ModelCIF file with pLDDT and N, C-alpha, C, O atoms, coordinates in Angstrom:
data_MODEL
#
_entry.id   MODEL 
#
_entity.id                         1 
_entity.type                       polymer 
_entity.pdbx_number_of_molecules   1 
#
_entity_poly.entity_id                      1 
_entity_poly.type                           'polypeptide(L)' 
_entity_poly.nstd_linkage                   no 
_entity_poly.nstd_monomer                   no 
_entity_poly.pdbx_seq_one_letter_code       
;(UNK)(UNK)(UNK)(UNK)(UNK)(UNK)(UNK)(UNK)(UNK)(UNK)(UNK)(UNK)(UNK)(UNK)(UNK)(UNK)
(UNK)(UNK)(UNK)(UNK)(UNK)(UNK)(UNK)(UNK)(UNK)(UNK)(UNK)(UNK)(UNK)(UNK)(UNK)(UNK)
(UNK)(UNK)(UNK)(UNK)(UNK)(UNK)(UNK)(UNK)(UNK)(UNK)(UNK)(UNK)(UNK)
;
_entity_poly.pdbx_seq_one_letter_code_can   XXXXXXXXXXXXXXXXXXXXXXXXXXXXXXXXXXXXXXXXXXXXX 
_entity_poly.pdbx_strand_id                 A 
#
loop_
_entity_poly_seq.entity_id 
_entity_poly_seq.num 
_entity_poly_seq.mon_id 
_entity_poly_seq.hetero 
1 1  UNK n 
1 2  UNK n 
1 3  UNK n 
1 4  UNK n 
1 5  UNK n 
1 6  UNK n 
1 7  UNK n 
1 8  UNK n 
1 9  UNK n 
1 10 UNK n 
1 11 UNK n 
1 12 UNK n 
1 13 UNK n 
1 14 UNK n 
1 15 UNK n 
1 16 UNK n 
1 17 UNK n 
1 18 UNK n 
1 19 UNK n 
1 20 UNK n 
1 21 UNK n 
1 22 UNK n 
1 23 UNK n 
1 24 UNK n 
1 25 UNK n 
1 26 UNK n 
1 27 UNK n 
1 28 UNK n 
1 29 UNK n 
1 30 UNK n 
1 31 UNK n 
1 32 UNK n 
1 33 UNK n 
1 34 UNK n 
1 35 UNK n 
1 36 UNK n 
1 37 UNK n 
1 38 UNK n 
1 39 UNK n 
1 40 UNK n 
1 41 UNK n 
1 42 UNK n 
1 43 UNK n 
1 44 UNK n 
1 45 UNK n 
#
_struct_asym.id          A 
_struct_asym.entity_id   1 
#
loop_
_ma_qa_metric.id 
_ma_qa_metric.mode 
_ma_qa_metric.name 
_ma_qa_metric.software_group_id 
_ma_qa_metric.type 
1 global pLDDT . pLDDT 
2 local  pLDDT . pLDDT 
#
_ma_qa_metric_global.metric_id      1 
_ma_qa_metric_global.metric_value   97.80 
_ma_qa_metric_global.model_id       1 
_ma_qa_metric_global.ordinal_id     1 
#
loop_
_ma_qa_metric_local.label_asym_id 
_ma_qa_metric_local.label_comp_id 
_ma_qa_metric_local.label_seq_id 
_ma_qa_metric_local.metric_id 
_ma_qa_metric_local.metric_value 
_ma_qa_metric_local.model_id 
_ma_qa_metric_local.ordinal_id 
A UNK 1  2 98.00 1 1  
A UNK 2  2 98.00 1 2  
A UNK 3  2 98.00 1 3  
A UNK 4  2 98.00 1 4  
A UNK 5  2 98.00 1 5  
A UNK 6  2 98.00 1 6  
A UNK 7  2 98.00 1 7  
A UNK 8  2 98.00 1 8  
A UNK 9  2 98.00 1 9  
A UNK 10 2 98.00 1 10 
A UNK 11 2 98.00 1 11 
A UNK 12 2 98.00 1 12 
A UNK 13 2 98.00 1 13 
A UNK 14 2 98.00 1 14 
A UNK 15 2 98.00 1 15 
A UNK 16 2 98.00 1 16 
A UNK 17 2 98.00 1 17 
A UNK 18 2 98.00 1 18 
A UNK 19 2 98.00 1 19 
A UNK 20 2 98.00 1 20 
A UNK 21 2 98.00 1 21 
A UNK 22 2 98.00 1 22 
A UNK 23 2 98.00 1 23 
A UNK 24 2 98.00 1 24 
A UNK 25 2 98.00 1 25 
A UNK 26 2 98.00 1 26 
A UNK 27 2 97.00 1 27 
A UNK 28 2 97.00 1 28 
A UNK 29 2 97.00 1 29 
A UNK 30 2 97.00 1 30 
A UNK 31 2 98.00 1 31 
A UNK 32 2 98.00 1 32 
A UNK 33 2 98.00 1 33 
A UNK 34 2 98.00 1 34 
A UNK 35 2 98.00 1 35 
A UNK 36 2 98.00 1 36 
A UNK 37 2 98.00 1 37 
A UNK 38 2 98.00 1 38 
A UNK 39 2 97.00 1 39 
A UNK 40 2 97.00 1 40 
A UNK 41 2 97.00 1 41 
A UNK 42 2 97.00 1 42 
A UNK 43 2 97.00 1 43 
A UNK 44 2 98.00 1 44 
A UNK 45 2 98.00 1 45 
#
loop_
_atom_site.group_PDB 
_atom_site.id 
_atom_site.type_symbol 
_atom_site.label_atom_id 
_atom_site.label_alt_id 
_atom_site.label_comp_id 
_atom_site.label_asym_id 
_atom_site.label_entity_id 
_atom_site.label_seq_id 
_atom_site.pdbx_PDB_ins_code 
_atom_site.Cartn_x 
_atom_site.Cartn_y 
_atom_site.Cartn_z 
_atom_site.occupancy 
_atom_site.B_iso_or_equiv 
_atom_site.pdbx_formal_charge 
_atom_site.auth_seq_id 
_atom_site.auth_comp_id 
_atom_site.auth_asym_id 
_atom_site.auth_atom_id 
_atom_site.pdbx_PDB_model_num 
ATOM 1   N N  . UNK A 1 1  ? 96.541  94.712  96.078  1.00 98.00 ? 1  UNK A N  1 
ATOM 2   C CA . UNK A 1 1  ? 97.414  95.358  95.091  1.00 98.00 ? 1  UNK A CA 1 
ATOM 3   C C  . UNK A 1 1  ? 98.171  94.313  94.276  1.00 98.00 ? 1  UNK A C  1 
ATOM 4   O O  . UNK A 1 1  ? 98.267  94.433  93.054  1.00 98.00 ? 1  UNK A O  1 
ATOM 5   N N  . UNK A 1 2  ? 98.702  93.304  94.930  1.00 98.00 ? 2  UNK A N  1 
ATOM 6   C CA . UNK A 1 2  ? 99.464  92.258  94.240  1.00 98.00 ? 2  UNK A CA 1 
ATOM 7   C C  . UNK A 1 2  ? 98.560  91.525  93.248  1.00 98.00 ? 2  UNK A C  1 
ATOM 8   O O  . UNK A 1 2  ? 98.977  91.216  92.132  1.00 98.00 ? 2  UNK A O  1 
ATOM 9   N N  . UNK A 1 3  ? 97.317  91.248  93.664  1.00 98.00 ? 3  UNK A N  1 
ATOM 10  C CA . UNK A 1 3  ? 96.369  90.562  92.776  1.00 98.00 ? 3  UNK A CA 1 
ATOM 11  C C  . UNK A 1 3  ? 96.103  91.376  91.512  1.00 98.00 ? 3  UNK A C  1 
ATOM 12  O O  . UNK A 1 3  ? 95.764  90.814  90.471  1.00 98.00 ? 3  UNK A O  1 
ATOM 13  N N  . UNK A 1 4  ? 96.254  92.700  91.601  1.00 98.00 ? 4  UNK A N  1 
ATOM 14  C CA . UNK A 1 4  ? 96.045  93.578  90.447  1.00 98.00 ? 4  UNK A CA 1 
ATOM 15  C C  . UNK A 1 4  ? 97.369  93.953  89.782  1.00 98.00 ? 4  UNK A C  1 
ATOM 16  O O  . UNK A 1 4  ? 97.418  94.852  88.942  1.00 98.00 ? 4  UNK A O  1 
ATOM 17  N N  . UNK A 1 5  ? 98.430  93.263  90.162  1.00 98.00 ? 5  UNK A N  1 
ATOM 18  C CA . UNK A 1 5  ? 99.763  93.502  89.592  1.00 98.00 ? 5  UNK A CA 1 
ATOM 19  C C  . UNK A 1 5  ? 100.272 94.924  89.877  1.00 98.00 ? 5  UNK A C  1 
ATOM 20  O O  . UNK A 1 5  ? 100.897 95.559  89.028  1.00 98.00 ? 5  UNK A O  1 
ATOM 21  N N  . UNK A 1 6  ? 99.986  95.399  91.091  1.00 98.00 ? 6  UNK A N  1 
ATOM 22  C CA . UNK A 1 6  ? 100.457 96.712  91.551  1.00 98.00 ? 6  UNK A CA 1 
ATOM 23  C C  . UNK A 1 6  ? 101.423 96.449  92.702  1.00 98.00 ? 6  UNK A C  1 
ATOM 24  O O  . UNK A 1 6  ? 101.176 95.578  93.537  1.00 98.00 ? 6  UNK A O  1 
ATOM 25  N N  . UNK A 1 7  ? 102.514 97.194  92.746  1.00 98.00 ? 7  UNK A N  1 
ATOM 26  C CA . UNK A 1 7  ? 103.540 96.941  93.756  1.00 98.00 ? 7  UNK A CA 1 
ATOM 27  C C  . UNK A 1 7  ? 103.013 97.141  95.177  1.00 98.00 ? 7  UNK A C  1 
ATOM 28  O O  . UNK A 1 7  ? 102.107 97.938  95.420  1.00 98.00 ? 7  UNK A O  1 
ATOM 29  N N  . UNK A 1 8  ? 103.607 96.392  96.105  1.00 98.00 ? 8  UNK A N  1 
ATOM 30  C CA . UNK A 1 8  ? 103.239 96.471  97.516  1.00 98.00 ? 8  UNK A CA 1 
ATOM 31  C C  . UNK A 1 8  ? 103.596 97.833  98.093  1.00 98.00 ? 8  UNK A C  1 
ATOM 32  O O  . UNK A 1 8  ? 104.507 98.510  97.618  1.00 98.00 ? 8  UNK A O  1 
ATOM 33  N N  . UNK A 1 9  ? 102.864 98.213  99.117  1.00 98.00 ? 9  UNK A N  1 
ATOM 34  C CA . UNK A 1 9  ? 103.160 99.435  99.859  1.00 98.00 ? 9  UNK A CA 1 
ATOM 35  C C  . UNK A 1 9  ? 104.081 99.096  101.027 1.00 98.00 ? 9  UNK A C  1 
ATOM 36  O O  . UNK A 1 9  ? 103.919 98.062  101.674 1.00 98.00 ? 9  UNK A O  1 
ATOM 37  N N  . UNK A 1 10 ? 105.034 99.959  101.286 1.00 98.00 ? 10 UNK A N  1 
ATOM 38  C CA . UNK A 1 10 ? 105.936 99.795  102.426 1.00 98.00 ? 10 UNK A CA 1 
ATOM 39  C C  . UNK A 1 10 ? 105.418 100.634 103.581 1.00 98.00 ? 10 UNK A C  1 
ATOM 40  O O  . UNK A 1 10 ? 104.935 101.749 103.384 1.00 98.00 ? 10 UNK A O  1 
ATOM 41  N N  . UNK A 1 11 ? 105.520 100.096 104.778 1.00 98.00 ? 11 UNK A N  1 
ATOM 42  C CA . UNK A 1 11 ? 105.081 100.830 105.964 1.00 98.00 ? 11 UNK A CA 1 
ATOM 43  C C  . UNK A 1 11 ? 106.067 101.960 106.246 1.00 98.00 ? 11 UNK A C  1 
ATOM 44  O O  . UNK A 1 11 ? 107.281 101.756 106.272 1.00 98.00 ? 11 UNK A O  1 
ATOM 45  N N  . UNK A 1 12 ? 105.517 103.154 106.455 1.00 98.00 ? 12 UNK A N  1 
ATOM 46  C CA . UNK A 1 12 ? 106.339 104.312 106.791 1.00 98.00 ? 12 UNK A CA 1 
ATOM 47  C C  . UNK A 1 12 ? 105.955 104.791 108.188 1.00 98.00 ? 12 UNK A C  1 
ATOM 48  O O  . UNK A 1 12 ? 104.786 105.091 108.429 1.00 98.00 ? 12 UNK A O  1 
ATOM 49  N N  . UNK A 1 13 ? 106.914 104.871 109.115 1.00 98.00 ? 13 UNK A N  1 
ATOM 50  C CA . UNK A 1 13 ? 106.614 105.292 110.494 1.00 98.00 ? 13 UNK A CA 1 
ATOM 51  C C  . UNK A 1 13 ? 105.988 106.681 110.598 1.00 98.00 ? 13 UNK A C  1 
ATOM 52  O O  . UNK A 1 13 ? 105.173 106.923 111.488 1.00 98.00 ? 13 UNK A O  1 
ATOM 53  N N  . UNK A 1 14 ? 106.356 107.593 109.704 1.00 98.00 ? 14 UNK A N  1 
ATOM 54  C CA . UNK A 1 14 ? 105.739 108.920 109.743 1.00 98.00 ? 14 UNK A CA 1 
ATOM 55  C C  . UNK A 1 14 ? 104.272 108.860 109.353 1.00 98.00 ? 14 UNK A C  1 
ATOM 56  O O  . UNK A 1 14 ? 103.441 109.556 109.937 1.00 98.00 ? 14 UNK A O  1 
ATOM 57  N N  . UNK A 1 15 ? 103.949 108.026 108.362 1.00 98.00 ? 15 UNK A N  1 
ATOM 58  C CA . UNK A 1 15 ? 102.539 107.870 107.980 1.00 98.00 ? 15 UNK A CA 1 
ATOM 59  C C  . UNK A 1 15 ? 101.759 107.181 109.098 1.00 98.00 ? 15 UNK A C  1 
ATOM 60  O O  . UNK A 1 15 ? 100.598 107.512 109.339 1.00 98.00 ? 15 UNK A O  1 
ATOM 61  N N  . UNK A 1 16 ? 102.394 106.223 109.783 1.00 98.00 ? 16 UNK A N  1 
ATOM 62  C CA . UNK A 1 16 ? 101.730 105.590 110.935 1.00 98.00 ? 16 UNK A CA 1 
ATOM 63  C C  . UNK A 1 16 ? 101.451 106.622 112.023 1.00 98.00 ? 16 UNK A C  1 
ATOM 64  O O  . UNK A 1 16 ? 100.382 106.621 112.633 1.00 98.00 ? 16 UNK A O  1 
ATOM 65  N N  . UNK A 1 17 ? 102.422 107.500 112.261 1.00 98.00 ? 17 UNK A N  1 
ATOM 66  C CA . UNK A 1 17 ? 102.251 108.532 113.293 1.00 98.00 ? 17 UNK A CA 1 
ATOM 67  C C  . UNK A 1 17 ? 101.143 109.507 112.903 1.00 98.00 ? 17 UNK A C  1 
ATOM 68  O O  . UNK A 1 17 ? 100.312 109.870 113.735 1.00 98.00 ? 17 UNK A O  1 
ATOM 69  N N  . UNK A 1 18 ? 101.129 109.930 111.638 1.00 98.00 ? 18 UNK A N  1 
ATOM 70  C CA . UNK A 1 18 ? 100.083 110.844 111.166 1.00 98.00 ? 18 UNK A CA 1 
ATOM 71  C C  . UNK A 1 18 ? 98.707  110.182 111.272 1.00 98.00 ? 18 UNK A C  1 
ATOM 72  O O  . UNK A 1 18 ? 97.740  110.812 111.701 1.00 98.00 ? 18 UNK A O  1 
ATOM 73  N N  . UNK A 1 19 ? 98.628  108.904 110.876 1.00 98.00 ? 19 UNK A N  1 
ATOM 74  C CA . UNK A 1 19 ? 97.359  108.173 110.961 1.00 98.00 ? 19 UNK A CA 1 
ATOM 75  C C  . UNK A 1 19 ? 96.899  108.054 112.406 1.00 98.00 ? 19 UNK A C  1 
ATOM 76  O O  . UNK A 1 19 ? 95.711  108.192 112.695 1.00 98.00 ? 19 UNK A O  1 
ATOM 77  N N  . UNK A 1 20 ? 97.846  107.797 113.326 1.00 98.00 ? 20 UNK A N  1 
ATOM 78  C CA . UNK A 1 20 ? 97.489  107.678 114.741 1.00 98.00 ? 20 UNK A CA 1 
ATOM 79  C C  . UNK A 1 20 ? 96.971  108.997 115.286 1.00 98.00 ? 20 UNK A C  1 
ATOM 80  O O  . UNK A 1 20 ? 95.990  109.028 116.029 1.00 98.00 ? 20 UNK A O  1 
ATOM 81  N N  . UNK A 1 21 ? 97.628  110.079 114.918 1.00 98.00 ? 21 UNK A N  1 
ATOM 82  C CA . UNK A 1 21 ? 97.186  111.393 115.386 1.00 98.00 ? 21 UNK A CA 1 
ATOM 83  C C  . UNK A 1 21 ? 95.783  111.717 114.866 1.00 98.00 ? 21 UNK A C  1 
ATOM 84  O O  . UNK A 1 21 ? 94.954  112.249 115.604 1.00 98.00 ? 21 UNK A O  1 
ATOM 85  N N  . UNK A 1 22 ? 95.523  111.401 113.616 1.00 98.00 ? 22 UNK A N  1 
ATOM 86  C CA . UNK A 1 22 ? 94.192  111.659 113.036 1.00 98.00 ? 22 UNK A CA 1 
ATOM 87  C C  . UNK A 1 22 ? 93.143  110.760 113.700 1.00 98.00 ? 22 UNK A C  1 
ATOM 88  O O  . UNK A 1 22 ? 92.058  111.228 114.044 1.00 98.00 ? 22 UNK A O  1 
ATOM 89  N N  . UNK A 1 23 ? 93.461  109.472 113.883 1.00 98.00 ? 23 UNK A N  1 
ATOM 90  C CA . UNK A 1 23 ? 92.512  108.551 114.528 1.00 98.00 ? 23 UNK A CA 1 
ATOM 91  C C  . UNK A 1 23 ? 92.215  109.003 115.954 1.00 98.00 ? 23 UNK A C  1 
ATOM 92  O O  . UNK A 1 23 ? 91.059  109.009 116.377 1.00 98.00 ? 23 UNK A O  1 
ATOM 93  N N  . UNK A 1 24 ? 93.254  109.380 116.694 1.00 98.00 ? 24 UNK A N  1 
ATOM 94  C CA . UNK A 1 24 ? 93.064  109.847 118.070 1.00 98.00 ? 24 UNK A CA 1 
ATOM 95  C C  . UNK A 1 24 ? 92.228  111.122 118.111 1.00 98.00 ? 24 UNK A C  1 
ATOM 96  O O  . UNK A 1 24 ? 91.391  111.291 118.997 1.00 98.00 ? 24 UNK A O  1 
ATOM 97  N N  . UNK A 1 25 ? 92.455  112.014 117.156 1.00 98.00 ? 25 UNK A N  1 
ATOM 98  C CA . UNK A 1 25 ? 91.694  113.266 117.113 1.00 98.00 ? 25 UNK A CA 1 
ATOM 99  C C  . UNK A 1 25 ? 90.206  112.978 116.898 1.00 98.00 ? 25 UNK A C  1 
ATOM 100 O O  . UNK A 1 25 ? 89.350  113.536 117.584 1.00 98.00 ? 25 UNK A O  1 
ATOM 101 N N  . UNK A 1 26 ? 89.913  112.102 115.938 1.00 98.00 ? 26 UNK A N  1 
ATOM 102 C CA . UNK A 1 26 ? 88.505  111.769 115.690 1.00 98.00 ? 26 UNK A CA 1 
ATOM 103 C C  . UNK A 1 26 ? 87.880  111.080 116.904 1.00 98.00 ? 26 UNK A C  1 
ATOM 104 O O  . UNK A 1 26 ? 86.750  111.386 117.285 1.00 98.00 ? 26 UNK A O  1 
ATOM 105 N N  . UNK A 1 27 ? 88.624  110.146 117.510 1.00 97.00 ? 27 UNK A N  1 
ATOM 106 C CA . UNK A 1 27 ? 88.094  109.403 118.660 1.00 97.00 ? 27 UNK A CA 1 
ATOM 107 C C  . UNK A 1 27 ? 87.878  110.315 119.863 1.00 97.00 ? 27 UNK A C  1 
ATOM 108 O O  . UNK A 1 27 ? 86.870  110.204 120.560 1.00 97.00 ? 27 UNK A O  1 
ATOM 109 N N  . UNK A 1 28 ? 88.816  111.204 120.100 1.00 97.00 ? 28 UNK A N  1 
ATOM 110 C CA . UNK A 1 28 ? 88.728  112.102 121.253 1.00 97.00 ? 28 UNK A CA 1 
ATOM 111 C C  . UNK A 1 28 ? 87.606  113.115 121.100 1.00 97.00 ? 28 UNK A C  1 
ATOM 112 O O  . UNK A 1 28 ? 86.938  113.475 122.070 1.00 97.00 ? 28 UNK A O  1 
ATOM 113 N N  . UNK A 1 29 ? 87.409  113.570 119.862 1.00 97.00 ? 29 UNK A N  1 
ATOM 114 C CA . UNK A 1 29 ? 86.441  114.639 119.637 1.00 97.00 ? 29 UNK A CA 1 
ATOM 115 C C  . UNK A 1 29 ? 85.144  114.163 118.988 1.00 97.00 ? 29 UNK A C  1 
ATOM 116 O O  . UNK A 1 29 ? 84.283  114.969 118.635 1.00 97.00 ? 29 UNK A O  1 
ATOM 117 N N  . UNK A 1 30 ? 85.013  112.843 118.835 1.00 97.00 ? 30 UNK A N  1 
ATOM 118 C CA . UNK A 1 30 ? 83.758  112.225 118.367 1.00 97.00 ? 30 UNK A CA 1 
ATOM 119 C C  . UNK A 1 30 ? 83.260  112.761 117.025 1.00 97.00 ? 30 UNK A C  1 
ATOM 120 O O  . UNK A 1 30 ? 82.085  113.099 116.883 1.00 97.00 ? 30 UNK A O  1 
ATOM 121 N N  . UNK A 1 31 ? 84.153  112.836 116.052 1.00 98.00 ? 31 UNK A N  1 
ATOM 122 C CA . UNK A 1 31 ? 83.723  113.184 114.696 1.00 98.00 ? 31 UNK A CA 1 
ATOM 123 C C  . UNK A 1 31 ? 84.303  112.154 113.734 1.00 98.00 ? 31 UNK A C  1 
ATOM 124 O O  . UNK A 1 31 ? 85.259  111.454 114.068 1.00 98.00 ? 31 UNK A O  1 
ATOM 125 N N  . UNK A 1 32 ? 83.733  112.065 112.558 1.00 98.00 ? 32 UNK A N  1 
ATOM 126 C CA . UNK A 1 32 ? 84.218  111.154 111.530 1.00 98.00 ? 32 UNK A CA 1 
ATOM 127 C C  . UNK A 1 32 ? 84.158  111.872 110.196 1.00 98.00 ? 32 UNK A C  1 
ATOM 128 O O  . UNK A 1 32 ? 83.098  111.967 109.576 1.00 98.00 ? 32 UNK A O  1 
ATOM 129 N N  . UNK A 1 33 ? 85.302  112.378 109.760 1.00 98.00 ? 33 UNK A N  1 
ATOM 130 C CA . UNK A 1 33 ? 85.359  113.130 108.512 1.00 98.00 ? 33 UNK A CA 1 
ATOM 131 C C  . UNK A 1 33 ? 86.812  113.314 108.095 1.00 98.00 ? 33 UNK A C  1 
ATOM 132 O O  . UNK A 1 33 ? 87.723  113.256 108.920 1.00 98.00 ? 33 UNK A O  1 
ATOM 133 N N  . UNK A 1 34 ? 87.008  113.535 106.808 1.00 98.00 ? 34 UNK A N  1 
ATOM 134 C CA . UNK A 1 34 ? 88.362  113.787 106.325 1.00 98.00 ? 34 UNK A CA 1 
ATOM 135 C C  . UNK A 1 34 ? 88.880  115.128 106.848 1.00 98.00 ? 34 UNK A C  1 
ATOM 136 O O  . UNK A 1 34 ? 90.074  115.268 107.113 1.00 98.00 ? 34 UNK A O  1 
ATOM 137 N N  . UNK A 1 35 ? 88.003  116.102 106.997 1.00 98.00 ? 35 UNK A N  1 
ATOM 138 C CA . UNK A 1 35 ? 88.389  117.391 107.552 1.00 98.00 ? 35 UNK A CA 1 
ATOM 139 C C  . UNK A 1 35 ? 87.949  117.479 109.005 1.00 98.00 ? 35 UNK A C  1 
ATOM 140 O O  . UNK A 1 35 ? 86.886  116.978 109.369 1.00 98.00 ? 35 UNK A O  1 
ATOM 141 N N  . UNK A 1 36 ? 88.771  118.117 109.836 1.00 98.00 ? 36 UNK A N  1 
ATOM 142 C CA . UNK A 1 36 ? 88.419  118.302 111.243 1.00 98.00 ? 36 UNK A CA 1 
ATOM 143 C C  . UNK A 1 36 ? 87.254  119.285 111.342 1.00 98.00 ? 36 UNK A C  1 
ATOM 144 O O  . UNK A 1 36 ? 86.941  119.962 110.363 1.00 98.00 ? 36 UNK A O  1 
ATOM 145 N N  . UNK A 1 37 ? 86.613  119.375 112.497 1.00 98.00 ? 37 UNK A N  1 
ATOM 146 C CA . UNK A 1 37 ? 85.539  120.364 112.651 1.00 98.00 ? 37 UNK A CA 1 
ATOM 147 C C  . UNK A 1 37 ? 85.989  121.793 112.342 1.00 98.00 ? 37 UNK A C  1 
ATOM 148 O O  . UNK A 1 37 ? 85.174  122.624 111.944 1.00 98.00 ? 37 UNK A O  1 
ATOM 149 N N  . UNK A 1 38 ? 87.290  122.086 112.524 1.00 98.00 ? 38 UNK A N  1 
ATOM 150 C CA . UNK A 1 38 ? 87.814  123.421 112.208 1.00 98.00 ? 38 UNK A CA 1 
ATOM 151 C C  . UNK A 1 38 ? 88.214  123.564 110.741 1.00 98.00 ? 38 UNK A C  1 
ATOM 152 O O  . UNK A 1 38 ? 88.625  124.641 110.309 1.00 98.00 ? 38 UNK A O  1 
ATOM 153 N N  . UNK A 1 39 ? 88.092  122.471 109.974 1.00 97.00 ? 39 UNK A N  1 
ATOM 154 C CA . UNK A 1 39 ? 88.404  122.531 108.555 1.00 97.00 ? 39 UNK A CA 1 
ATOM 155 C C  . UNK A 1 39 ? 89.812  122.099 108.167 1.00 97.00 ? 39 UNK A C  1 
ATOM 156 O O  . UNK A 1 39 ? 90.202  122.255 107.010 1.00 97.00 ? 39 UNK A O  1 
ATOM 157 N N  . UNK A 1 40 ? 90.589  121.555 109.115 1.00 97.00 ? 40 UNK A N  1 
ATOM 158 C CA . UNK A 1 40 ? 91.928  121.069 108.765 1.00 97.00 ? 40 UNK A CA 1 
ATOM 159 C C  . UNK A 1 40 ? 91.784  119.837 107.885 1.00 97.00 ? 40 UNK A C  1 
ATOM 160 O O  . UNK A 1 40 ? 91.055  118.903 108.218 1.00 97.00 ? 40 UNK A O  1 
ATOM 161 N N  . UNK A 1 41 ? 92.483  119.846 106.769 1.00 97.00 ? 41 UNK A N  1 
ATOM 162 C CA . UNK A 1 41 ? 92.391  118.772 105.784 1.00 97.00 ? 41 UNK A CA 1 
ATOM 163 C C  . UNK A 1 41 ? 93.277  117.593 106.177 1.00 97.00 ? 41 UNK A C  1 
ATOM 164 O O  . UNK A 1 41 ? 94.077  117.711 107.105 1.00 97.00 ? 41 UNK A O  1 
ATOM 165 N N  . UNK A 1 42 ? 93.150  116.470 105.495 1.00 97.00 ? 42 UNK A N  1 
ATOM 166 C CA . UNK A 1 42 ? 94.033  115.332 105.775 1.00 97.00 ? 42 UNK A CA 1 
ATOM 167 C C  . UNK A 1 42 ? 95.520  115.695 105.631 1.00 97.00 ? 42 UNK A C  1 
ATOM 168 O O  . UNK A 1 42 ? 96.367  115.110 106.307 1.00 97.00 ? 42 UNK A O  1 
ATOM 169 N N  . UNK A 1 43 ? 95.832  116.639 104.770 1.00 97.00 ? 43 UNK A N  1 
ATOM 170 C CA . UNK A 1 43 ? 97.233  116.984 104.509 1.00 97.00 ? 43 UNK A CA 1 
ATOM 171 C C  . UNK A 1 43 ? 97.874  117.644 105.717 1.00 97.00 ? 43 UNK A C  1 
ATOM 172 O O  . UNK A 1 43 ? 99.098  117.652 105.847 1.00 97.00 ? 43 UNK A O  1 
ATOM 173 N N  . UNK A 1 44 ? 97.056  118.196 106.600 1.00 98.00 ? 44 UNK A N  1 
ATOM 174 C CA . UNK A 1 44 ? 97.544  118.784 107.862 1.00 98.00 ? 44 UNK A CA 1 
ATOM 175 C C  . UNK A 1 44 ? 98.336  117.757 108.662 1.00 98.00 ? 44 UNK A C  1 
ATOM 176 O O  . UNK A 1 44 ? 99.394  118.073 109.208 1.00 98.00 ? 44 UNK A O  1 
ATOM 177 N N  . UNK A 1 45 ? 97.825  116.528 108.734 1.00 98.00 ? 45 UNK A N  1 
ATOM 178 C CA . UNK A 1 45 ? 98.467  115.486 109.539 1.00 98.00 ? 45 UNK A CA 1 
ATOM 179 C C  . UNK A 1 45 ? 99.793  115.051 108.922 1.00 98.00 ? 45 UNK A C  1 
ATOM 180 O O  . UNK A 1 45 ? 100.471 114.180 109.467 1.00 98.00 ? 45 UNK A O  1 
#
């Protein structure tokens, strides 16, 4: 981002938690997709 003259991103603990929950869900249930097998979108997390 800096190389393209775009401001840096700040780490947000809530986004880290949401990302962890999504990663754990995919790992536990062996799928790889933006939507869960039940159709929950990324915005759910």
